[in-house]
Amino acid sequence: MSESNIENMLSQLIRMVGTIQTNLEEMKQDMDEMKQDMDEMKREQLEMKREQLEMKREQLEMKQVQHEMQVKLDEIETKGEERHKEILARFKALEQDQDFIWEKTARNEREIGNIKRQLS
């Protein structure tokens, strides 16, 4: 082989090695970027998980508050029913007293009428 052929082959090999090295560097940069992207995605996932946990905690707190409110509402309803029954009982007693008073008044009026007739 001639010297110029060898030189041509060497220059081709050098270019090929240079191209391969450039490609490797580009791939390394791409891999570094991908690693950074993956790290960012992991951070975002962790943040999302933290937010989800916070939301679950808040939901549990809200459920607890709802439960407490329901218990208080039930207590209020029970007290309301008891008061209603008590008021009805008092009204019934007043009604009975009024009936008794009317009866007695009517009897007294009849007796007064009888006494007036006897005196006249």
Protein backbone atom coordinates (compact mmCIF):
# COMPACT_ATOMS: atom_id res chain seq x y z
CA MET A 1 0.00 0.00 0.00
CA SER A 2 1.09 3.42 -0.67
CA GLU A 3 1.80 6.00 1.85
CA SER A 4 -1.07 8.24 0.69
CA ASN A 5 -3.54 5.34 1.05
CA ILE A 6 -2.35 4.77 4.59
CA GLU A 7 -2.65 8.48 5.31
CA ASN A 8 -6.18 8.50 3.85
CA MET A 9 -7.14 5.50 5.94
CA LEU A 10 -5.65 7.11 9.06
CA SER A 11 -7.45 10.40 8.41
CA GLN A 12 -10.73 8.46 7.87
CA LEU A 13 -10.16 6.56 11.10
CA ILE A 14 -9.41 9.79 12.96
CA ARG A 15 -12.62 11.38 11.58
CA MET A 16 -14.62 8.28 12.50
CA VAL A 17 -13.18 8.25 16.01
CA GLY A 18 -13.87 12.02 16.29
CA THR A 19 -17.45 11.49 15.12
CA ILE A 20 -17.92 8.61 17.54
CA GLN A 21 -16.44 10.68 20.37
CA THR A 22 -18.73 13.61 19.51
CA ASN A 23 -21.71 11.26 19.40
CA LEU A 24 -20.71 9.78 22.76
CA GLU A 25 -20.43 13.25 24.30
CA GLU A 26 -23.85 14.19 22.90
CA MET A 27 -25.31 10.96 24.25
CA LYS A 28 -23.72 11.67 27.63
CA GLN A 29 -25.25 15.14 27.63
CA ASP A 30 -28.62 13.66 26.66
CA MET A 31 -28.32 11.09 29.44
CA ASP A 32 -27.41 13.82 31.95
CA GLU A 33 -30.46 15.83 30.84
CA MET A 34 -32.64 12.72 31.12
CA LYS A 35 -31.26 12.08 34.60
CA GLN A 36 -32.05 15.67 35.60
CA ASP A 37 -35.56 15.29 34.15
CA MET A 38 -36.05 12.04 36.06
CA ASP A 39 -34.81 13.65 39.28
CA GLU A 40 -37.25 16.53 38.74
CA MET A 41 -40.07 14.04 38.09
CA LYS A 42 -39.20 12.20 41.30
CA ARG A 43 -39.29 15.48 43.23
CA GLU A 44 -42.65 16.31 41.68
CA GLN A 45 -43.97 12.85 42.53
CA LEU A 46 -42.83 13.23 46.12
CA GLU A 47 -44.51 16.63 46.31
CA MET A 48 -47.70 15.16 44.85
CA LYS A 49 -47.62 12.32 47.38
CA ARG A 50 -47.12 14.83 50.18
CA GLU A 51 -50.05 16.88 48.90
CA GLN A 52 -52.21 13.75 48.66
CA LEU A 53 -51.34 12.81 52.23
CA GLU A 54 -52.18 16.33 53.35
CA MET A 55 -55.51 16.16 51.52
CA LYS A 56 -56.29 12.80 53.13
CA ARG A 57 -55.47 14.24 56.54
CA GLU A 58 -57.72 17.21 55.87
CA GLN A 59 -60.50 14.88 54.68
CA LEU A 60 -60.20 12.87 57.87
CA GLU A 61 -60.37 16.06 59.92
CA MET A 62 -63.43 17.17 57.97
CA LYS A 63 -65.10 13.79 58.53
CA GLN A 64 -64.37 14.07 62.24
CA VAL A 65 -65.85 17.58 62.33
CA GLN A 66 -68.90 16.36 60.39
CA HIS A 67 -69.32 13.50 62.84
CA GLU A 68 -69.08 15.87 65.80
CA MET A 69 -71.60 18.20 64.17
CA GLN A 70 -73.96 15.26 63.56
CA VAL A 71 -73.67 14.22 67.20
CA LYS A 72 -74.43 17.78 68.33
CA LEU A 73 -77.35 17.99 65.90
CA ASP A 74 -78.73 14.71 67.26
CA GLU A 75 -78.40 16.07 70.81
CA ILE A 76 -80.20 19.27 69.81
CA GLU A 77 -82.99 17.28 68.16
CA THR A 78 -83.34 15.08 71.25
CA LYS A 79 -83.50 18.12 73.53
CA GLY A 80 -86.02 19.71 71.18
CA GLU A 81 -88.22 16.65 71.30
CA GLU A 82 -88.00 16.51 75.09
CA ARG A 83 -88.93 20.18 75.39
CA HIS A 84 -91.79 19.69 72.96
CA LYS A 85 -93.14 16.82 75.07
CA GLU A 86 -92.73 18.89 78.24
CA ILE A 87 -94.60 21.85 76.70
CA LEU A 88 -97.39 19.55 75.51
CA ALA A 89 -97.67 18.06 79.00
CA ARG A 90 -97.90 21.56 80.51
CA PHE A 91 -100.53 22.58 77.97
CA LYS A 92 -102.48 19.44 78.77
CA ALA A 93 -102.30 20.27 82.50
CA LEU A 94 -103.43 23.84 81.78
CA GLU A 95 -106.27 22.54 79.63
CA GLN A 96 -107.38 20.20 82.42
CA ASP A 97 -107.16 23.05 84.95
CA GLN A 98 -109.21 25.28 82.66
CA ASP A 99 -111.82 22.57 82.18
CA PHE A 100 -112.01 22.10 85.96
CA ILE A 101 -112.35 25.88 86.51
CA TRP A 102 -115.12 26.12 83.89
CA GLU A 103 -116.94 23.20 85.44
CA LYS A 104 -116.67 24.70 88.88
CA THR A 105 -117.69 28.14 87.58
CA ALA A 106 -120.72 26.65 85.85
CA ARG A 107 -121.70 24.77 89.04
CA ASN A 108 -121.26 27.92 91.14
CA GLU A 109 -123.37 29.93 88.67
CA ARG A 110 -126.14 27.35 88.89
CA GLU A 111 -126.00 27.40 92.69
CA ILE A 112 -126.05 31.23 92.70
CA GLY A 113 -129.04 31.11 90.34
CA ASN A 114 -130.80 28.64 92.67
CA ILE A 115 -130.05 30.80 95.71
CA LYS A 116 -131.39 33.91 93.91
CA ARG A 117 -134.61 32.10 93.07
CA GLN A 118 -135.01 30.95 96.61
CA LEU A 119 -134.45 34.45 97.96
CA SER A 120 -136.84 36.07 95.57
